Protein backbone atom coordinates (compact mmCIF):
# COMPACT_ATOMS: atom_id res chain seq x y z
CA MET A 1 0.00 0.00 0.00
CA PRO A 2 1.56 3.33 -1.04
CA PHE A 3 2.25 5.98 1.55
CA THR A 4 -0.11 8.83 0.79
CA ALA A 5 0.20 12.22 2.47
CA SER A 6 -2.62 11.37 4.88
CA ARG A 7 -0.95 8.10 5.87
CA LEU A 8 2.34 9.89 6.48
CA TRP A 9 0.68 12.45 8.74
CA PHE A 10 -1.06 9.68 10.64
CA TYR A 11 2.16 7.75 11.03
CA PHE A 12 4.39 10.60 12.16
CA LEU A 13 1.73 11.93 14.53
CA GLY A 14 1.55 8.53 16.20
CA CYS A 15 5.35 8.32 16.46
CA ALA A 16 5.61 11.81 17.93
CA LEU A 17 2.91 11.05 20.50
CA VAL A 18 4.73 7.90 21.65
CA VAL A 19 7.99 9.83 22.13
CA LEU A 20 6.33 12.79 23.87
CA VAL A 21 4.40 10.56 26.27
CA TRP A 22 7.53 8.56 27.08
CA GLN A 23 9.73 11.58 27.68
CA SER A 24 7.08 13.16 29.92
CA GLN A 25 7.09 10.05 32.13
CA VAL A 26 10.82 9.34 32.48
CA LYS A 27 12.43 10.76 35.60
CA VAL A 28 16.06 10.72 36.69
CA THR A 29 16.37 8.40 39.68
CA PRO A 30 19.30 7.85 42.07
CA MET A 31 21.80 5.12 41.29
CA HIS A 32 20.50 1.81 42.56
CA ALA A 33 22.32 -1.30 43.73
CA ASP A 34 22.97 -3.00 40.40
CA GLU A 35 24.16 0.22 38.81
CA ALA A 36 26.59 0.72 41.69
CA VAL A 37 28.02 -2.77 41.14
CA GLN A 38 28.72 -1.93 37.51
CA TRP A 39 30.38 1.35 38.53
CA SER A 40 32.61 -0.47 41.01
CA LEU A 41 33.61 -3.08 38.42
CA ALA A 42 34.51 -0.37 35.91
CA LYS A 43 36.43 1.57 38.57
CA ASP A 44 38.50 -1.49 39.51
CA LEU A 45 39.18 -2.17 35.85
CA SER A 46 40.51 1.38 35.41
CA GLU A 47 42.81 0.84 38.40
CA GLY A 48 44.40 -2.24 36.84
CA VAL A 49 42.45 -4.94 38.69
CA PRO A 50 42.05 -7.80 36.19
CA TYR A 51 38.44 -8.62 35.41
CA SER A 52 39.06 -12.33 36.04
CA THR A 53 40.12 -11.69 39.67
CA ASN A 54 37.48 -9.07 40.51
CA GLU A 55 34.95 -10.03 43.15
CA ASP A 56 32.23 -8.73 40.82
CA ARG A 57 33.40 -10.73 37.80
CA PHE A 58 30.03 -12.50 37.74
CA HIS A 59 28.89 -9.45 35.81
CA GLY A 60 30.24 -9.35 32.26
CA PRO A 61 33.13 -6.99 31.42
CA THR A 62 31.56 -5.15 28.49
CA LEU A 63 29.85 -2.26 30.28
CA ALA A 64 32.91 -1.70 32.46
CA ALA A 65 35.15 -1.61 29.39
CA VAL A 66 32.89 0.84 27.55
CA THR A 67 32.77 3.11 30.61
CA TRP A 68 36.55 2.95 31.06
CA VAL A 69 37.08 4.01 27.45
CA ARG A 70 34.64 6.91 27.86
CA THR A 71 36.41 8.15 31.00
CA LYS A 72 39.74 8.11 29.17
CA VAL A 73 38.29 10.08 26.27
CA ALA A 74 36.52 12.55 28.59
CA GLY A 75 39.48 12.81 30.98
CA VAL A 76 37.44 12.32 34.17
CA SER A 77 38.03 10.17 37.23
CA PHE A 78 35.60 7.58 38.55
CA LYS A 79 35.04 9.57 41.72
CA GLU A 80 33.65 12.39 39.59
CA LEU A 81 31.27 10.28 37.52
CA THR A 82 27.65 11.38 37.73
CA PRO A 83 24.64 9.13 37.08
CA GLU A 84 24.06 11.02 33.83
CA PHE A 85 27.60 10.24 32.59
CA LEU A 86 27.32 6.57 33.53
CA ARG A 87 23.87 6.10 32.05
CA PHE A 88 24.92 7.54 28.73
CA SER A 89 26.79 4.28 27.95
CA PRO A 90 23.60 2.16 27.77
CA GLN A 91 21.91 4.98 25.87
CA ILE A 92 24.58 4.65 23.19
CA PHE A 93 23.56 1.03 22.78
CA SER A 94 19.87 1.85 22.73
CA VAL A 95 20.72 3.96 19.67
CA ILE A 96 22.74 1.06 18.21
CA MET A 97 19.77 -1.24 18.73
CA ALA A 98 17.44 1.27 17.07
CA LEU A 99 19.68 1.41 14.00
CA ALA A 100 19.05 -2.30 13.41
CA VAL A 101 15.72 -1.17 11.93
CA VAL A 102 17.71 -0.09 8.84
CA LEU A 103 18.17 -3.78 7.94
CA VAL A 104 14.57 -4.87 8.55
CA ARG A 105 13.26 -6.17 5.23
CA GLY A 106 9.98 -5.25 3.61
CA VAL A 107 9.73 -1.81 5.24
CA SER A 108 9.71 1.56 3.48
CA TRP A 109 12.35 4.14 4.34
CA TRP A 110 9.61 6.41 5.70
CA VAL A 111 8.65 3.76 8.24
CA ARG A 112 12.26 2.91 9.07
CA GLY A 113 13.21 6.53 9.66
CA ALA A 114 10.17 7.30 11.77
CA TRP A 115 10.53 4.17 13.89
CA ILE A 116 14.23 4.80 14.48
CA PHE A 117 13.18 8.24 15.68
CA VAL A 118 10.76 6.61 18.12
CA LEU A 119 13.29 4.13 19.49
CA ILE A 120 16.00 6.75 19.92
CA GLY A 121 13.69 9.46 21.23
CA ALA A 122 12.08 7.07 23.67
CA GLU A 123 15.38 5.38 24.61
CA ALA A 124 14.43 2.18 22.80
CA LEU A 125 10.95 2.42 24.34
CA THR A 126 12.26 0.20 27.11
CA PRO A 127 12.24 1.03 30.81
CA TYR A 128 15.96 0.37 31.19
CA GLY A 129 17.32 1.98 28.06
CA HIS A 130 18.61 4.75 30.32
CA THR A 131 19.81 2.61 33.23
CA TYR A 132 23.47 1.75 33.89
CA ILE A 133 23.18 -2.03 33.52
CA GLN A 134 24.46 -4.67 31.09
CA GLU A 135 21.10 -5.66 29.63
CA MET A 136 20.87 -2.81 27.13
CA LEU A 137 24.25 -3.83 25.71
CA LEU A 138 23.19 -7.48 25.57
CA THR A 139 19.91 -6.60 23.86
CA ALA A 140 21.61 -4.43 21.24
CA GLY A 141 24.04 -7.22 20.37
CA PHE A 142 21.35 -9.88 20.24
CA VAL A 143 18.99 -7.78 18.09
CA TRP A 144 21.78 -7.12 15.60
CA GLY A 145 22.68 -10.81 15.58
CA VAL A 146 19.11 -11.75 14.67
CA VAL A 147 18.69 -9.08 11.97
CA LEU A 148 22.05 -9.98 10.37
CA PHE A 149 21.06 -13.65 10.38
CA THR A 150 17.85 -12.67 8.57
CA GLN A 151 19.93 -10.82 5.98
CA ALA A 152 22.03 -13.96 5.53
CA ARG A 153 18.91 -16.00 4.79
CA HIS A 154 18.17 -13.84 1.77
CA ALA A 155 21.75 -13.24 0.59
CA LYS A 156 23.38 -15.11 -2.29
CA ASN A 157 26.62 -15.24 -0.31
CA PRO A 158 25.59 -15.40 3.37
CA ARG A 159 29.02 -15.98 4.92
CA GLY A 160 29.79 -12.34 5.70
CA TYR A 161 26.39 -11.77 7.30
CA LEU A 162 26.68 -14.99 9.31
CA LEU A 163 30.13 -14.07 10.57
CA LEU A 164 28.93 -10.61 11.63
CA ALA A 165 25.83 -12.11 13.26
CA GLY A 166 28.09 -14.47 15.20
CA LEU A 167 30.26 -11.58 16.38
CA CYS A 168 27.14 -9.80 17.67
CA PHE A 169 25.94 -12.92 19.46
CA GLY A 170 29.44 -13.31 20.95
CA TRP A 171 29.21 -9.75 22.27
CA ALA A 172 25.88 -10.66 23.91
CA LEU A 173 27.46 -13.72 25.55
CA ALA A 174 30.24 -11.54 26.96
CA CYS A 175 27.63 -9.21 28.44
CA LYS A 176 25.81 -11.91 30.39
CA VAL A 177 25.75 -15.71 30.46
CA THR A 178 21.95 -15.52 30.18
CA ALA A 179 22.51 -14.89 26.47
CA LEU A 180 23.43 -18.58 26.13
CA ALA A 181 19.81 -19.51 26.87
CA TYR A 182 18.66 -16.83 24.42
CA LEU A 183 20.86 -18.36 21.74
CA ALA A 184 19.39 -21.79 22.44
CA PHE A 185 15.89 -20.38 21.95
CA PHE A 186 17.00 -18.62 18.76
CA PHE A 187 18.48 -21.81 17.29
CA ALA A 188 15.46 -23.90 18.29
CA THR A 189 13.06 -21.40 16.72
CA GLY A 190 15.23 -21.00 13.62
CA LEU A 191 15.45 -24.75 13.05
CA TRP A 192 11.67 -24.95 13.31
CA LEU A 193 10.86 -22.01 11.05
CA HIS A 194 13.83 -21.89 8.67
CA SER A 195 15.61 -25.24 8.88
CA ALA A 196 17.17 -24.80 5.42
CA SER A 197 19.14 -21.80 6.67
CA PHE A 198 20.89 -23.92 9.31
CA SER A 199 23.09 -25.99 7.05
CA ARG A 200 26.43 -27.24 8.35
CA ARG A 201 28.31 -24.59 6.39
CA ASN A 202 26.11 -21.79 7.69
CA LEU A 203 26.38 -23.06 11.25
CA ALA A 204 30.17 -23.21 10.91
CA TRP A 205 30.37 -19.53 9.89
CA LEU A 206 27.88 -18.48 12.53
CA GLY A 207 29.54 -20.56 15.25
CA GLY A 208 32.98 -19.27 14.26
CA GLY A 209 31.76 -15.69 14.61
CA ILE A 210 30.25 -16.45 18.01
CA LEU A 211 33.49 -18.02 19.26
CA VAL A 212 35.67 -15.15 18.03
CA GLY A 213 33.28 -12.45 19.29
CA TRP A 214 32.82 -14.05 22.70
CA SER A 215 36.53 -14.74 23.29
CA PHE A 216 37.55 -11.24 22.12
CA PHE A 217 35.10 -9.29 24.29
CA GLN A 218 35.11 -11.65 27.27
CA SER A 219 38.92 -11.44 27.49
CA LEU A 220 38.91 -7.68 26.93
CA ALA A 221 40.63 -7.90 23.54
CA PHE A 222 42.69 -10.92 24.67
CA THR A 223 44.35 -8.94 27.47
CA ASP A 224 42.80 -11.14 30.19
CA LEU A 225 42.59 -14.72 28.98
CA HIS A 226 41.59 -15.90 32.45
CA GLY A 227 38.36 -14.01 31.82
CA LEU A 228 37.38 -16.84 29.49
CA VAL A 229 37.56 -19.27 32.38
CA SER A 230 35.64 -16.87 34.61
CA TRP A 231 32.76 -16.99 32.15
CA TRP A 232 32.33 -20.73 32.75
CA TYR A 233 32.38 -20.23 36.52
CA GLN A 234 29.79 -17.55 36.00
CA LEU A 235 27.67 -19.98 33.98
CA ALA A 236 27.86 -22.63 36.70
CA ARG A 237 26.90 -20.07 39.33
CA ALA A 238 24.00 -18.88 37.18
CA PHE A 239 22.22 -22.23 37.47
CA GLY A 240 21.99 -21.94 41.24
CA VAL A 241 20.99 -18.28 41.12
CA ALA A 242 18.35 -18.81 38.44
CA ALA A 243 16.85 -21.78 40.27
CA GLY A 244 16.56 -19.80 43.49
CA MET A 245 19.10 -22.03 45.25
CA SER A 246 21.73 -19.34 45.84
CA GLU A 247 21.95 -16.59 48.42
CA ASP A 248 22.26 -14.19 45.48
CA SER A 249 18.86 -15.18 44.12
CA LEU A 250 16.27 -12.44 43.86
CA TRP A 251 12.52 -12.83 44.05
CA ALA A 252 10.03 -10.58 42.35
CA GLU A 253 9.09 -7.51 44.37
CA SER A 254 6.27 -6.97 41.88
CA TYR A 255 4.97 -8.92 38.92
CA ALA A 256 3.83 -5.72 37.18
CA PRO A 257 6.85 -5.74 34.79
CA TRP A 258 5.93 -9.25 33.68
CA PHE A 259 2.35 -8.21 32.99
CA TRP A 260 3.65 -5.12 31.15
CA THR A 261 6.05 -7.09 28.96
CA GLY A 262 3.57 -9.90 28.36
CA GLY A 263 0.93 -7.35 27.42
CA GLY A 264 3.30 -5.73 24.93
CA LEU A 265 4.14 -9.06 23.31
CA LEU A 266 0.44 -9.98 23.17
CA LEU A 267 -0.38 -6.68 21.50
CA ILE A 268 2.33 -7.17 18.87
CA SER A 269 1.33 -10.80 18.33
CA LEU A 270 -2.31 -9.82 17.93
CA VAL A 271 -1.49 -7.26 15.26
CA ARG A 272 0.76 -9.84 13.57
CA TRP A 273 -2.14 -12.29 13.50
CA VAL A 274 -4.56 -9.70 12.13
CA ALA A 275 -2.10 -8.65 9.41
CA ARG A 276 -1.12 -12.22 8.50
CA SER A 277 -2.92 -12.10 5.17
CA ARG A 278 -0.79 -9.11 4.12
CA LEU A 279 2.53 -10.51 5.32
CA GLY A 280 2.30 -13.92 3.69
CA HIS A 281 2.36 -17.38 5.21
CA TRP A 282 3.32 -17.12 8.87
CA ARG A 283 6.19 -19.63 8.60
CA GLU A 284 7.79 -17.58 5.82
CA SER A 285 7.79 -14.14 7.37
CA ASP A 286 10.95 -12.60 8.82
CA VAL A 287 9.03 -11.28 11.83
CA ASP A 288 8.20 -14.69 13.23
CA LEU A 289 11.75 -15.68 14.14
CA PRO A 290 12.40 -12.68 16.45
CA LEU A 291 8.83 -12.74 17.78
CA ALA A 292 8.91 -16.43 18.68
CA THR A 293 12.37 -16.02 20.23
CA ALA A 294 11.06 -13.08 22.26
CA TRP A 295 8.21 -15.19 23.60
CA LEU A 296 10.56 -18.03 24.62
CA ILE A 297 12.83 -15.57 26.44
CA TYR A 298 9.83 -14.06 28.20
CA ILE A 299 8.49 -17.47 29.26
CA PHE A 300 11.97 -18.48 30.42
CA HIS A 301 12.27 -15.51 32.77
CA THR A 302 8.68 -15.90 33.92
CA VAL A 303 9.18 -19.51 34.94
CA LEU A 304 12.54 -19.05 36.69
CA PRO A 305 12.38 -18.11 40.38
CA TYR A 306 15.16 -15.50 39.95
CA LYS A 307 13.51 -12.30 38.81
CA THR A 308 14.78 -8.85 38.00
CA PRO A 309 12.69 -6.85 35.53
CA TRP A 310 15.54 -5.81 33.24
CA LEU A 311 15.99 -9.46 32.23
CA LEU A 312 12.85 -8.90 30.14
CA LEU A 313 14.63 -6.26 28.06
CA THR A 314 15.78 -8.56 25.26
CA ALA A 315 12.30 -10.01 24.81
CA ILE A 316 10.57 -6.69 24.33
CA GLY A 317 13.58 -5.27 22.45
CA LEU A 318 13.41 -7.96 19.77
CA ALA A 319 9.72 -7.34 19.21
CA LEU A 320 10.02 -3.55 19.13
CA ALA A 321 13.05 -3.33 16.85
CA LEU A 322 12.44 -6.18 14.41
CA VAL A 323 8.68 -6.85 14.40
CA VAL A 324 6.86 -3.55 14.94
CA PRO A 325 8.41 -1.77 11.89
CA VAL A 326 7.07 -4.52 9.61
CA LEU A 327 3.62 -4.34 11.18
CA MET A 328 3.63 -0.56 10.78
CA SER A 329 3.77 -1.08 7.02
CA GLY A 330 0.34 -2.71 7.09
CA PRO A 331 -3.14 -1.19 6.87
CA ARG A 332 -4.05 1.84 8.97
CA ARG A 333 -6.23 -0.27 11.25
CA GLU A 334 -3.23 -2.31 12.40
CA GLN A 335 -1.21 0.87 12.80
CA ALA A 336 -3.92 2.44 14.95
CA ILE A 337 -4.06 -0.63 17.20
CA LEU A 338 -0.27 -0.60 17.58
CA PHE A 339 -0.02 3.13 18.26
CA ALA A 340 -2.76 2.94 20.89
CA GLY A 341 -1.04 0.02 22.60
CA LEU A 342 2.41 1.61 22.42
CA LEU A 343 1.07 4.84 23.90
CA LEU A 344 -0.33 2.80 26.79
CA LEU A 345 3.02 1.05 27.26
CA ALA A 346 4.89 4.37 27.16
CA PHE A 347 2.52 5.88 29.71
CA THR A 348 2.60 2.98 32.17
CA ALA A 349 6.22 1.78 31.99
CA PRO A 350 7.81 4.29 34.43
CA ARG A 351 5.15 3.41 37.00
CA VAL A 352 5.56 -0.31 36.47
CA PHE A 353 9.33 -0.68 36.42
CA VAL A 354 10.24 0.58 39.86
CA HIS A 355 12.79 -1.86 41.21
CA SER A 356 15.66 -1.63 43.67
CA GLN A 357 15.65 2.14 43.58
CA THR A 358 17.93 3.71 46.13
CA LEU A 359 16.02 5.07 49.08
CA PRO A 360 16.09 8.83 49.71
CA GLU A 361 17.76 8.11 53.06
CA VAL A 362 20.89 6.85 51.29
CA VAL A 363 21.11 9.94 49.08
CA LYS A 364 20.59 12.15 52.12
CA PHE A 365 23.19 10.18 54.07
CA SER A 366 25.75 10.72 51.31
CA ALA A 367 25.09 14.47 51.12
CA GLN A 368 25.30 14.93 54.88
CA THR A 369 28.45 12.82 55.10
CA GLU A 370 30.09 15.14 52.60
CA GLN A 371 29.17 18.18 54.69
CA VAL A 372 30.55 16.58 57.83
CA ALA A 373 33.76 15.57 56.02
CA GLN A 374 34.31 19.16 54.93
CA ALA A 375 33.83 20.40 58.50
CA TYR A 376 36.07 17.69 59.96
CA GLY A 377 38.79 18.10 57.35
CA PRO A 378 38.71 15.98 54.19
CA LYS A 379 42.26 14.70 54.66
CA GLN A 380 41.58 13.45 58.20
CA PHE A 381 38.07 12.13 57.61
CA TYR A 382 37.58 8.46 56.78
CA ILE A 383 34.90 5.78 57.11
CA ALA A 384 35.16 2.24 58.42
CA ILE A 385 32.62 -0.38 57.34
CA ASP A 386 32.55 -3.49 59.50
CA GLY A 387 32.11 -6.75 57.63
CA GLY A 388 30.42 -6.81 54.26
CA HIS A 389 28.94 -3.88 52.46
CA TYR A 390 25.70 -3.70 50.56
CA TRP A 391 25.41 -1.77 47.34
CA PRO A 392 24.98 1.06 46.53
CA LEU A 393 27.03 2.33 49.48
CA PRO A 394 30.41 2.16 47.66
CA TYR A 395 29.10 4.47 44.94
CA TYR A 396 27.56 6.96 47.35
CA LEU A 397 30.70 6.97 49.51
CA ARG A 398 33.08 7.13 46.54
CA LYS A 399 34.41 10.59 47.43
CA PHE A 400 35.68 9.49 50.84
CA SER A 401 38.41 7.25 52.19
CA VAL A 402 36.62 4.02 53.04
CA GLY A 403 38.03 0.91 54.65
CA TYR A 404 36.17 -2.40 54.70
CA GLY A 405 36.59 -5.09 57.31
CA SER A 406 39.26 -4.99 60.01
CA PHE A 407 42.18 -2.55 59.79
CA PRO A 408 44.31 -0.87 62.52
CA THR A 409 42.41 2.42 62.80
CA ALA A 410 38.93 1.09 62.09
CA GLU A 411 37.76 1.45 65.70
CA LYS A 412 38.80 5.12 65.77
CA ALA A 413 37.15 6.12 62.48
CA PRO A 414 35.09 9.34 62.63
CA LEU A 415 32.28 7.42 60.97
CA ARG A 416 31.65 3.70 61.29
CA LEU A 417 29.02 1.50 59.65
CA VAL A 418 28.06 -1.84 61.17
CA PRO A 419 25.62 -4.25 59.45
CA MET A 420 22.50 -4.63 61.58
CA VAL A 421 21.73 -8.25 62.43
CA ASP A 422 19.14 -7.60 65.14
CA ASN A 423 17.64 -4.74 67.14
CA SER A 424 20.45 -4.72 69.70
CA GLN A 425 21.74 -1.18 69.43
CA PRO A 426 25.53 -1.04 69.83
CA VAL A 427 26.81 1.27 72.54
CA VAL A 428 30.36 2.47 71.90
CA GLU A 429 32.07 5.08 74.05
CA GLY A 430 32.61 8.33 72.19
CA TYR A 431 30.03 7.56 69.49
CA GLN A 432 26.40 8.33 68.86
CA THR A 433 24.42 5.51 67.24
CA LEU A 434 22.14 6.17 64.28
CA ARG A 435 20.36 3.85 61.90
CA LEU A 436 20.58 3.76 58.09
CA HIS A 437 17.87 1.91 56.17
CA LEU A 438 18.85 0.65 52.73
CA ARG A 439 15.91 -1.57 51.81
CA ALA A 440 13.68 -4.20 53.41
CA GLY A 441 15.87 -6.39 55.60
CA GLU A 442 19.03 -4.34 54.93
CA ASP A 443 19.99 -1.86 57.65
CA TYR A 444 23.18 -0.45 59.12
CA TRP A 445 24.09 0.96 62.49
CA VAL A 446 25.92 4.22 61.87
CA LEU A 447 28.39 5.15 64.63
CA VAL A 448 29.14 8.87 64.55
CA ALA A 449 31.99 10.28 66.62
CA LYS A 450 30.49 12.69 69.17
CA ASP A 451 33.05 15.36 68.33
CA LEU A 452 31.56 15.57 64.84
CA LYS A 453 29.12 18.45 64.94
CA GLY A 454 27.16 18.74 61.76
CA PRO A 455 24.00 17.86 59.87
CA LEU A 456 24.69 14.13 60.10
CA MET A 457 23.77 14.24 63.78
CA ASP A 458 20.11 14.59 62.97
CA PHE A 459 20.13 12.14 60.07
CA ALA A 460 18.42 9.19 61.73
CA ALA A 461 17.33 7.81 65.03
CA PRO A 462 17.58 4.13 66.01
């Protein structure tokens, strides 16, 4: 169906509304726990700590490497990094993911351009396109892997496309071991829908690209070969975490993100079903491979006990980047249904995806600690944290000298933090005891030297 002037106005108005609604809903939030872990990993990497020996190596090295490169280019230290600077790294990859629309087949350039505008303007129309976590990088790599594989299916000489697709999948594997399950779903779906494209020769080129891409990025350009071994330890650990058998397992605080993502996939699938007569036989359409893979990823993360909402990013990202543009080329009725549903998703997402946000008390604690440090004397002021430390404290205390565990002057620190195991308030001579609440079940006793006179004194009461 040709794009008349009226259809273009309708299309661009819908795109603009989606972007405007999204941007009106997104708010800058404090750095939360998982973002702080990524910051710490990148900081250690910049200080020469090998990724393979880092205590946070169970997170992939890609985001840390990208951040390290950006700090070198910008000439800033990790203590100076703001949330805006850090979150720009995933935003770069939300743009990269959006550009995959250029290779989507059967779509006019008007539709491609307008939809790229939507995905970039709305930060990939995903709740975590602007959050400092690995998943946006993983999703971008996986989306490009799928779209390049689709190009290979239609190319006379598919080897170059298959090799590039493998490199993108290898990047995704280096971001997070979860991508291995995604690849399994992709191969299973591809063998079902397009078995002829999975010949031994094609698989050899694709597999070679995956191996090269994974080993290159996982070892940080072959500078840390032990990082390749760390990936397998990470994979073994992931089974226990995903099954809810590890102390690091997380349970859903709210199932709203799952309803939101499932609703989005249902909307897109419904429009696909309605437009089936225009898109040809359902087993022959390019949209069915990414859409079916997205559903398998969604079901996978719905069934597993371990739940963090951003794990749903790849599922919705595949559908938005590789399926929606094709559906937008259909009749106006299908477009209207999609625009209405996408507007609803854009309006509800910021309210739905509220997870592990840092409490205002932590932000206030950091600000007041800085004021006290200035009054005490920045060179003499330091903090001692007894035992372990829960994120995001390292990020919010990054400007100060902090010692963890036992060290000679720990008991004389101007400010001491002790993990709270019960309601027994510690009484230490020369200190006032306050209480810092991080999240449900995570509290600290804060011991403040009585000779510190400043705003921290009225921060909290036990």
